[in-house]
Amino acid sequence: MKQKKGFTLRDVCGEKVIMAEGADVVNFNKLLSLNESAAFLWECITELGDFTAEQLAQKLCENYNVEQGQALADVKILLAKWQEIGIIE
C-alpha cells in the first residue's frame, strides 16, 4: 500500500488533520481529524512510501504500549477506513 499524492498532515489549532492539496485529488469536502496514534501512523507511511499493515503494527508496538496482535487489528481497521475514503491505495 501507499499514501495517495495530494494529502498532507497539518496541525490546525492544535489538532492533527489530513488535508487535500492540489487539483488532482479526490473530492474532499472536509478535514480528516486524527488522534495521536493515527497521526503517528500517517507520518510513518509518509516516510515509508510503500508499506504493509504489519510494518505499521510494529511501529505502534515500538512507540506505544500495545501488543502486536492488538496493534495489527487496529492498523487493519484504520487502513480499511483510509482506503474507503481514498487517501491510501
PDB file of N, CA and C in Angstrom:
ATOM      1  N   MET A   1       0.839  -1.176   0.000  1.00  0.00           N
ATOM      2  CA  MET A   1       0.000   0.000   0.000  1.00  0.00           C
ATOM      3  C   MET A   1       0.882   1.237   0.000  1.00  0.00           C
ATOM      4  N   LYS A   2       0.248   2.360  -0.350  1.00  0.00           N
ATOM      5  CA  LYS A   2       0.980   3.612  -0.282  1.00  0.00           C
ATOM      6  C   LYS A   2      -0.007   4.761  -0.121  1.00  0.00           C
ATOM      7  N   GLN A   3       0.510   5.869   0.314  1.00  0.00           N
ATOM      8  CA  GLN A   3      -0.259   7.089   0.500  1.00  0.00           C
ATOM      9  C   GLN A   3      -0.563   7.694  -0.863  1.00  0.00           C
ATOM     10  N   LYS A   4      -1.810   8.148  -1.076  1.00  0.00           N
ATOM     11  CA  LYS A   4      -2.130   8.837  -2.315  1.00  0.00           C
ATOM     12  C   LYS A   4      -1.502  10.213  -2.286  1.00  0.00           C
ATOM     13  N   LYS A   5      -1.050  10.677  -3.429  1.00  0.00           N
ATOM     14  CA  LYS A   5      -0.460  12.010  -3.531  1.00  0.00           C
ATOM     15  C   LYS A   5      -1.539  13.069  -3.317  1.00  0.00           C
ATOM     16  N   GLY A   6      -1.114  14.179  -2.756  1.00  0.00           N
ATOM     17  CA  GLY A   6      -2.030  15.296  -2.598  1.00  0.00           C
ATOM     18  C   GLY A   6      -2.623  15.445  -1.222  1.00  0.00           C
ATOM     19  N   PHE A   7      -2.253  14.576  -0.287  1.00  0.00           N
ATOM     20  CA  PHE A   7      -2.773  14.666   1.071  1.00  0.00           C
ATOM     21  C   PHE A   7      -1.625  14.897   2.041  1.00  0.00           C
ATOM     22  N   THR A   8      -1.788  15.863   2.926  1.00  0.00           N
ATOM     23  CA  THR A   8      -0.738  16.172   3.891  1.00  0.00           C
ATOM     24  C   THR A   8      -1.324  16.299   5.286  1.00  0.00           C
ATOM     25  N   LEU A   9      -0.500  15.992   6.270  1.00  0.00           N
ATOM     26  CA  LEU A   9      -0.862  16.132   7.669  1.00  0.00           C
ATOM     27  C   LEU A   9      -0.491  17.539   8.116  1.00  0.00           C
ATOM     28  N   ARG A  10      -1.426  18.217   8.721  1.00  0.00           N
ATOM     29  CA  ARG A  10      -1.210  19.578   9.216  1.00  0.00           C
ATOM     30  C   ARG A  10      -1.673  19.670  10.667  1.00  0.00           C
ATOM     31  N   ASP A  11      -1.133  20.644  11.366  1.00  0.00           N
ATOM     32  CA  ASP A  11      -1.587  20.962  12.717  1.00  0.00           C
ATOM     33  C   ASP A  11      -2.467  22.201  12.602  1.00  0.00           C
ATOM     34  N   VAL A  12      -3.757  22.035  12.866  1.00  0.00           N
ATOM     35  CA  VAL A  12      -4.711  23.137  12.770  1.00  0.00           C
ATOM     36  C   VAL A  12      -5.316  23.366  14.148  1.00  0.00           C
ATOM     37  N   CYS A  13      -4.947  24.472  14.746  1.00  0.00           N
ATOM     38  CA  CYS A  13      -5.457  24.835  16.085  1.00  0.00           C
ATOM     39  C   CYS A  13      -5.205  23.715  17.092  1.00  0.00           C
ATOM     40  N   GLY A  14      -4.028  23.113  17.014  1.00  0.00           N
ATOM     41  CA  GLY A  14      -3.654  22.063  17.950  1.00  0.00           C
ATOM     42  C   GLY A  14      -4.210  20.692  17.639  1.00  0.00           C
ATOM     43  N   GLU A  15      -4.879  20.550  16.508  1.00  0.00           N
ATOM     44  CA  GLU A  15      -5.447  19.264  16.108  1.00  0.00           C
ATOM     45  C   GLU A  15      -4.759  18.790  14.837  1.00  0.00           C
ATOM     46  N   LYS A  16      -4.423  17.517  14.765  1.00  0.00           N
ATOM     47  CA  LYS A  16      -3.801  16.934  13.579  1.00  0.00           C
ATOM     48  C   LYS A  16      -4.893  16.588  12.572  1.00  0.00           C
ATOM     49  N   VAL A  17      -4.764  17.106  11.356  1.00  0.00           N
ATOM     50  CA  VAL A  17      -5.748  16.852  10.311  1.00  0.00           C
ATOM     51  C   VAL A  17      -5.048  16.540   8.997  1.00  0.00           C
ATOM     52  N   ILE A  18      -5.687  15.708   8.188  1.00  0.00           N
ATOM     53  CA  ILE A  18      -5.211  15.437   6.834  1.00  0.00           C
ATOM     54  C   ILE A  18      -6.000  16.351   5.917  1.00  0.00           C
ATOM     55  N   MET A  19      -5.268  17.057   5.063  1.00  0.00           N
ATOM     56  CA  MET A  19      -5.884  17.992   4.126  1.00  0.00           C
ATOM     57  C   MET A  19      -5.530  17.603   2.704  1.00  0.00           C
ATOM     58  N   ALA A  20      -6.472  17.809   1.795  1.00  0.00           N
ATOM     59  CA  ALA A  20      -6.230  17.586   0.372  1.00  0.00           C
ATOM     60  C   ALA A  20      -5.615  18.841  -0.217  1.00  0.00           C
ATOM     61  N   GLU A  21      -4.628  18.652  -1.066  1.00  0.00           N
ATOM     62  CA  GLU A  21      -3.970  19.775  -1.737  1.00  0.00           C
ATOM     63  C   GLU A  21      -3.867  19.464  -3.217  1.00  0.00           C
ATOM     64  N   GLY A  22      -4.006  20.458  -4.049  1.00  0.00           N
ATOM     65  CA  GLY A  22      -3.852  20.278  -5.486  1.00  0.00           C
ATOM     66  C   GLY A  22      -5.160  19.950  -6.176  1.00  0.00           C
ATOM     67  N   ALA A  23      -5.157  20.076  -7.486  1.00  0.00           N
ATOM     68  CA  ALA A  23      -6.365  19.903  -8.278  1.00  0.00           C
ATOM     69  C   ALA A  23      -6.668  18.453  -8.614  1.00  0.00           C
ATOM     70  N   ASP A  24      -5.694  17.556  -8.502  1.00  0.00           N
ATOM     71  CA  ASP A  24      -5.915  16.186  -8.968  1.00  0.00           C
ATOM     72  C   ASP A  24      -6.255  15.211  -7.840  1.00  0.00           C
ATOM     73  N   VAL A  25      -6.672  15.715  -6.686  1.00  0.00           N
ATOM     74  CA  VAL A  25      -7.067  14.832  -5.593  1.00  0.00           C
ATOM     75  C   VAL A  25      -8.562  14.603  -5.638  1.00  0.00           C
ATOM     76  N   VAL A  26      -9.013  13.591  -4.898  1.00  0.00           N
ATOM     77  CA  VAL A  26     -10.442  13.295  -4.870  1.00  0.00           C
ATOM     78  C   VAL A  26     -11.201  14.436  -4.223  1.00  0.00           C
ATOM     79  N   ASN A  27     -12.517  14.462  -4.409  1.00  0.00           N
ATOM     80  CA  ASN A  27     -13.357  15.457  -3.769  1.00  0.00           C
ATOM     81  C   ASN A  27     -13.314  15.230  -2.261  1.00  0.00           C
ATOM     82  N   PHE A  28     -12.782  16.156  -1.543  1.00  0.00           N
ATOM     83  CA  PHE A  28     -12.530  16.007  -0.104  1.00  0.00           C
ATOM     84  C   PHE A  28     -13.089  17.249   0.572  1.00  0.00           C
ATOM     85  N   ASN A  29     -14.369  17.216   0.893  1.00  0.00           N
ATOM     86  CA  ASN A  29     -15.075  18.407   1.347  1.00  0.00           C
ATOM     87  C   ASN A  29     -14.839  18.772   2.803  1.00  0.00           C
ATOM     88  N   LYS A  30     -14.170  17.935   3.550  1.00  0.00           N
ATOM     89  CA  LYS A  30     -13.915  18.277   4.945  1.00  0.00           C
ATOM     90  C   LYS A  30     -12.550  17.778   5.365  1.00  0.00           C
ATOM     91  N   LEU A  31     -12.100  18.248   6.497  1.00  0.00           N
ATOM     92  CA  LEU A  31     -10.824  17.807   7.041  1.00  0.00           C
ATOM     93  C   LEU A  31     -11.004  16.466   7.729  1.00  0.00           C
ATOM     94  N   LEU A  32      -9.970  15.666   7.728  1.00  0.00           N
ATOM     95  CA  LEU A  32      -9.980  14.391   8.428  1.00  0.00           C
ATOM     96  C   LEU A  32      -9.138  14.554   9.680  1.00  0.00           C
ATOM     97  N   SER A  33      -9.788  14.570  10.828  1.00  0.00           N
ATOM     98  CA  SER A  33      -9.103  14.761  12.103  1.00  0.00           C
ATOM     99  C   SER A  33      -8.554  13.422  12.596  1.00  0.00           C
ATOM    100  N   LEU A  34      -7.309  13.432  13.085  1.00  0.00           N
ATOM    101  CA  LEU A  34      -6.651  12.213  13.544  1.00  0.00           C
ATOM    102  C   LEU A  34      -6.289  12.311  15.017  1.00  0.00           C
ATOM    103  N   ASN A  35      -6.392  11.186  15.716  1.00  0.00           N
ATOM    104  CA  ASN A  35      -5.876  11.155  17.078  1.00  0.00           C
ATOM    105  C   ASN A  35      -4.354  10.991  17.014  1.00  0.00           C
ATOM    106  N   GLU A  36      -3.714  10.976  18.157  1.00  0.00           N
ATOM    107  CA  GLU A  36      -2.249  10.955  18.209  1.00  0.00           C
ATOM    108  C   GLU A  36      -1.650   9.748  17.503  1.00  0.00           C
ATOM    109  N   SER A  37      -2.195   8.565  17.749  1.00  0.00           N
ATOM    110  CA  SER A  37      -1.606   7.365  17.147  1.00  0.00           C
ATOM    111  C   SER A  37      -1.875   7.296  15.643  1.00  0.00           C
ATOM    112  N   ALA A  38      -3.041   7.743  15.189  1.00  0.00           N
ATOM    113  CA  ALA A  38      -3.322   7.765  13.754  1.00  0.00           C
ATOM    114  C   ALA A  38      -2.415   8.767  13.048  1.00  0.00           C
ATOM    115  N   ALA A  39      -2.187   9.925  13.668  1.00  0.00           N
ATOM    116  CA  ALA A  39      -1.268  10.914  13.089  1.00  0.00           C
ATOM    117  C   ALA A  39       0.146  10.338  13.018  1.00  0.00           C
ATOM    118  N   PHE A  40       0.550   9.602  14.056  1.00  0.00           N
ATOM    119  CA  PHE A  40       1.855   8.943  14.061  1.00  0.00           C
ATOM    120  C   PHE A  40       1.958   7.975  12.877  1.00  0.00           C
ATOM    121  N   LEU A  41       0.907   7.183  12.649  1.00  0.00           N
ATOM    122  CA  LEU A  41       0.927   6.227  11.544  1.00  0.00           C
ATOM    123  C   LEU A  41       0.954   6.928  10.194  1.00  0.00           C
ATOM    124  N   TRP A  42       0.250   8.054  10.070  1.00  0.00           N
ATOM    125  CA  TRP A  42       0.295   8.809   8.809  1.00  0.00           C
ATOM    126  C   TRP A  42       1.715   9.288   8.536  1.00  0.00           C
ATOM    127  N   GLU A  43       2.370   9.762   9.580  1.00  0.00           N
ATOM    128  CA  GLU A  43       3.763  10.190   9.423  1.00  0.00           C
ATOM    129  C   GLU A  43       4.649   9.013   9.025  1.00  0.00           C
ATOM    130  N   CYS A  44       4.378   7.833   9.588  1.00  0.00           N
ATOM    131  CA  CYS A  44       5.149   6.643   9.233  1.00  0.00           C
ATOM    132  C   CYS A  44       4.980   6.283   7.766  1.00  0.00           C
ATOM    133  N   ILE A  45       3.748   6.311   7.256  1.00  0.00           N
ATOM    134  CA  ILE A  45       3.560   5.928   5.857  1.00  0.00           C
ATOM    135  C   ILE A  45       4.126   6.990   4.920  1.00  0.00           C
ATOM    136  N   THR A  46       4.175   8.245   5.370  1.00  0.00           N
ATOM    137  CA  THR A  46       4.810   9.292   4.580  1.00  0.00           C
ATOM    138  C   THR A  46       6.299   8.985   4.421  1.00  0.00           C
ATOM    139  N   GLU A  47       6.922   8.523   5.501  1.00  0.00           N
ATOM    140  CA  GLU A  47       8.351   8.185   5.468  1.00  0.00           C
ATOM    141  C   GLU A  47       8.626   6.894   4.710  1.00  0.00           C
ATOM    142  N   LEU A  48       7.754   5.896   4.883  1.00  0.00           N
ATOM    143  CA  LEU A  48       7.997   4.577   4.304  1.00  0.00           C
ATOM    144  C   LEU A  48       7.748   4.516   2.799  1.00  0.00           C
ATOM    145  N   GLY A  49       6.793   5.270   2.305  1.00  0.00           N
ATOM    146  CA  GLY A  49       6.389   5.107   0.907  1.00  0.00           C
ATOM    147  C   GLY A  49       5.470   3.905   0.828  1.00  0.00           C
ATOM    148  N   ASP A  50       5.937   2.801   0.243  1.00  0.00           N
ATOM    149  CA  ASP A  50       5.157   1.559   0.260  1.00  0.00           C
ATOM    150  C   ASP A  50       5.238   0.963   1.661  1.00  0.00           C
ATOM    151  N   PHE A  51       4.117   0.421   2.129  1.00  0.00           N
ATOM    152  CA  PHE A  51       4.082  -0.108   3.495  1.00  0.00           C
ATOM    153  C   PHE A  51       3.090  -1.265   3.586  1.00  0.00           C
ATOM    154  N   THR A  52       3.205  -2.012   4.664  1.00  0.00           N
ATOM    155  CA  THR A  52       2.261  -3.083   4.969  1.00  0.00           C
ATOM    156  C   THR A  52       1.640  -2.818   6.336  1.00  0.00           C
ATOM    157  N   ALA A  53       0.527  -3.472   6.589  1.00  0.00           N
ATOM    158  CA  ALA A  53      -0.123  -3.362   7.893  1.00  0.00           C
ATOM    159  C   ALA A  53       0.809  -3.873   8.986  1.00  0.00           C
ATOM    160  N   GLU A  54       1.566  -4.909   8.675  1.00  0.00           N
ATOM    161  CA  GLU A  54       2.488  -5.482   9.657  1.00  0.00           C
ATOM    162  C   GLU A  54       3.584  -4.487  10.040  1.00  0.00           C
ATOM    163  N   GLN A  55       4.098  -3.748   9.061  1.00  0.00           N
ATOM    164  CA  GLN A  55       5.120  -2.744   9.357  1.00  0.00           C
ATOM    165  C   GLN A  55       4.564  -1.661  10.278  1.00  0.00           C
ATOM    166  N   LEU A  56       3.349  -1.213  10.003  1.00  0.00           N
ATOM    167  CA  LEU A  56       2.750  -0.173  10.832  1.00  0.00           C
ATOM    168  C   LEU A  56       2.435  -0.678  12.230  1.00  0.00           C
ATOM    169  N   ALA A  57       1.997  -1.924  12.335  1.00  0.00           N
ATOM    170  CA  ALA A  57       1.743  -2.504  13.653  1.00  0.00           C
ATOM    171  C   ALA A  57       3.031  -2.548  14.464  1.00  0.00           C
ATOM    172  N   GLN A  58       4.124  -2.898  13.818  1.00  0.00           N
ATOM    173  CA  GLN A  58       5.416  -2.928  14.502  1.00  0.00           C
ATOM    174  C   GLN A  58       5.803  -1.537  14.995  1.00  0.00           C
ATOM    175  N   LYS A  59       5.552  -0.514  14.178  1.00  0.00           N
ATOM    176  CA  LYS A  59       5.834   0.866  14.581  1.00  0.00           C
ATOM    177  C   LYS A  59       5.009   1.246  15.812  1.00  0.00           C
ATOM    178  N   LEU A  60       3.736   0.828  15.833  1.00  0.00           N
ATOM    179  CA  LEU A  60       2.902   1.110  17.007  1.00  0.00           C
ATOM    180  C   LEU A  60       3.466   0.451  18.253  1.00  0.00           C
ATOM    181  N   CYS A  61       3.893  -0.801  18.113  1.00  0.00           N
ATOM    182  CA  CYS A  61       4.455  -1.532  19.253  1.00  0.00           C
ATOM    183  C   CYS A  61       5.729  -0.869  19.772  1.00  0.00           C
ATOM    184  N   GLU A  62       6.528  -0.343  18.877  1.00  0.00           N
ATOM    185  CA  GLU A  62       7.780   0.300  19.263  1.00  0.00           C
ATOM    186  C   GLU A  62       7.562   1.629  19.973  1.00  0.00           C
ATOM    187  N   ASN A  63       6.452   2.314  19.659  1.00  0.00           N
ATOM    188  CA  ASN A  63       6.241   3.660  20.172  1.00  0.00           C
ATOM    189  C   ASN A  63       5.121   3.789  21.195  1.00  0.00           C
ATOM    190  N   TYR A  64       4.282   2.786  21.310  1.00  0.00           N
ATOM    191  CA  TYR A  64       3.171   2.809  22.256  1.00  0.00           C
ATOM    192  C   TYR A  64       3.155   1.482  23.009  1.00  0.00           C
ATOM    193  N   ASN A  65       2.561   1.477  24.157  1.00  0.00           N
ATOM    194  CA  ASN A  65       2.465   0.262  24.970  1.00  0.00           C
ATOM    195  C   ASN A  65       1.277  -0.572  24.500  1.00  0.00           C
ATOM    196  N   VAL A  66       1.482  -1.309  23.407  1.00  0.00           N
ATOM    197  CA  VAL A  66       0.422  -2.123  22.825  1.00  0.00           C
ATOM    198  C   VAL A  66       1.023  -3.439  22.342  1.00  0.00           C
ATOM    199  N   GLU A  67       0.247  -4.511  22.437  1.00  0.00           N
ATOM    200  CA  GLU A  67       0.708  -5.822  21.992  1.00  0.00           C
ATOM    201  C   GLU A  67       0.540  -5.965  20.480  1.00  0.00           C
ATOM    202  N   GLN A  68       1.371  -6.791  19.880  1.00  0.00           N
ATOM    203  CA  GLN A  68       1.409  -6.960  18.420  1.00  0.00           C
ATOM    204  C   GLN A  68       0.041  -7.309  17.839  1.00  0.00           C
ATOM    205  N   GLY A  69      -0.667  -8.249  18.437  1.00  0.00           N
ATOM    206  CA  GLY A  69      -1.966  -8.664  17.901  1.00  0.00           C
ATOM    207  C   GLY A  69      -2.970  -7.530  17.889  1.00  0.00           C
ATOM    208  N   GLN A  70      -3.032  -6.777  18.974  1.00  0.00           N
ATOM    209  CA  GLN A  70      -3.956  -5.648  19.054  1.00  0.00           C
ATOM    210  C   GLN A  70      -3.541  -4.543  18.093  1.00  0.00           C
ATOM    211  N   ALA A  71      -2.243  -4.296  18.008  1.00  0.00           N
ATOM    212  CA  ALA A  71      -1.745  -3.268  17.086  1.00  0.00           C
ATOM    213  C   ALA A  71      -2.110  -3.608  15.648  1.00  0.00           C
ATOM    214  N   LEU A  72      -1.930  -4.861  15.249  1.00  0.00           N
ATOM    215  CA  LEU A  72      -2.239  -5.270  13.883  1.00  0.00           C
ATOM    216  C   LEU A  72      -3.740  -5.145  13.596  1.00  0.00           C
ATOM    217  N   ALA A  73      -4.562  -5.551  14.540  1.00  0.00           N
ATOM    218  CA  ALA A  73      -6.021  -5.435  14.364  1.00  0.00           C
ATOM    219  C   ALA A  73      -6.427  -3.971  14.201  1.00  0.00           C
ATOM    220  N   ASP A  74      -5.877  -3.105  15.042  1.00  0.00           N
ATOM    221  CA  ASP A  74      -6.199  -1.677  14.970  1.00  0.00           C
ATOM    222  C   ASP A  74      -5.717  -1.053  13.664  1.00  0.00           C
ATOM    223  N   VAL A  75      -4.519  -1.415  13.234  1.00  0.00           N
ATOM    224  CA  VAL A  75      -3.971  -0.887  11.980  1.00  0.00           C
ATOM    225  C   VAL A  75      -4.838  -1.314  10.803  1.00  0.00           C
ATOM    226  N   LYS A  76      -5.264  -2.553  10.770  1.00  0.00           N
ATOM    227  CA  LYS A  76      -6.099  -3.030   9.663  1.00  0.00           C
ATOM    228  C   LYS A  76      -7.416  -2.273   9.584  1.00  0.00           C
ATOM    229  N   ILE A  77      -8.011  -1.975  10.724  1.00  0.00           N
ATOM    230  CA  ILE A  77      -9.258  -1.196  10.753  1.00  0.00           C
ATOM    231  C   ILE A  77      -9.008   0.209  10.209  1.00  0.00           C
ATOM    232  N   LEU A  78      -7.933   0.832  10.670  1.00  0.00           N
ATOM    233  CA  LEU A  78      -7.604   2.192  10.229  1.00  0.00           C
ATOM    234  C   LEU A  78      -7.313   2.230   8.728  1.00  0.00           C
ATOM    235  N   LEU A  79      -6.533   1.283   8.251  1.00  0.00           N
ATOM    236  CA  LEU A  79      -6.200   1.252   6.822  1.00  0.00           C
ATOM    237  C   LEU A  79      -7.438   1.028   5.964  1.00  0.00           C
ATOM    238  N   ALA A  80      -8.358   0.203   6.428  1.00  0.00           N
ATOM    239  CA  ALA A  80      -9.600  -0.022   5.686  1.00  0.00           C
ATOM    240  C   ALA A  80     -10.397   1.280   5.573  1.00  0.00           C
ATOM    241  N   LYS A  81     -10.434   2.059   6.649  1.00  0.00           N
ATOM    242  CA  LYS A  81     -11.132   3.352   6.615  1.00  0.00           C
ATOM    243  C   LYS A  81     -10.429   4.307   5.665  1.00  0.00           C
ATOM    244  N   TRP A  82      -9.109   4.353   5.722  1.00  0.00           N
ATOM    245  CA  TRP A  82      -8.350   5.245   4.849  1.00  0.00           C
ATOM    246  C   TRP A  82      -8.508   4.851   3.386  1.00  0.00           C
ATOM    247  N   GLN A  83      -8.583   3.543   3.097  1.00  0.00           N
ATOM    248  CA  GLN A  83      -8.817   3.108   1.717  1.00  0.00           C
ATOM    249  C   GLN A  83     -10.208   3.497   1.272  1.00  0.00           C
ATOM    250  N   GLU A  84     -11.177   3.343   2.148  1.00  0.00           N
ATOM    251  CA  GLU A  84     -12.559   3.657   1.825  1.00  0.00           C
ATOM    252  C   GLU A  84     -12.740   5.138   1.443  1.00  0.00           C
ATOM    253  N   ILE A  85     -12.052   6.018   2.148  1.00  0.00           N
ATOM    254  CA  ILE A  85     -12.185   7.442   1.839  1.00  0.00           C
ATOM    255  C   ILE A  85     -11.202   7.898   0.762  1.00  0.00           C
ATOM    256  N   GLY A  86     -10.299   7.013   0.371  1.00  0.00           N
ATOM    257  CA  GLY A  86      -9.441   7.278  -0.790  1.00  0.00           C
ATOM    258  C   GLY A  86      -8.159   8.044  -0.524  1.00  0.00           C
ATOM    259  N   ILE A  87      -7.593   7.923   0.674  1.00  0.00           N
ATOM    260  CA  ILE A  87      -6.331   8.629   0.935  1.00  0.00           C
ATOM    261  C   ILE A  87      -5.111   7.707   0.892  1.00  0.00           C
ATOM    262  N   ILE A  88      -5.358   6.397   0.770  1.00  0.00           N
ATOM    263  CA  ILE A  88      -4.274   5.436   0.518  1.00  0.00           C
ATOM    264  C   ILE A  88      -4.747   4.490  -0.582  1.00  0.00           C
ATOM    265  N   GLU A  89      -3.777   3.841  -1.199  1.00  0.00           N
ATOM    266  CA  GLU A  89      -4.097   2.877  -2.266  1.00  0.00           C
ATOM    267  C   GLU A  89      -3.213   1.669  -2.175  1.00  0.00           C
TER     268      GLU A  89
END
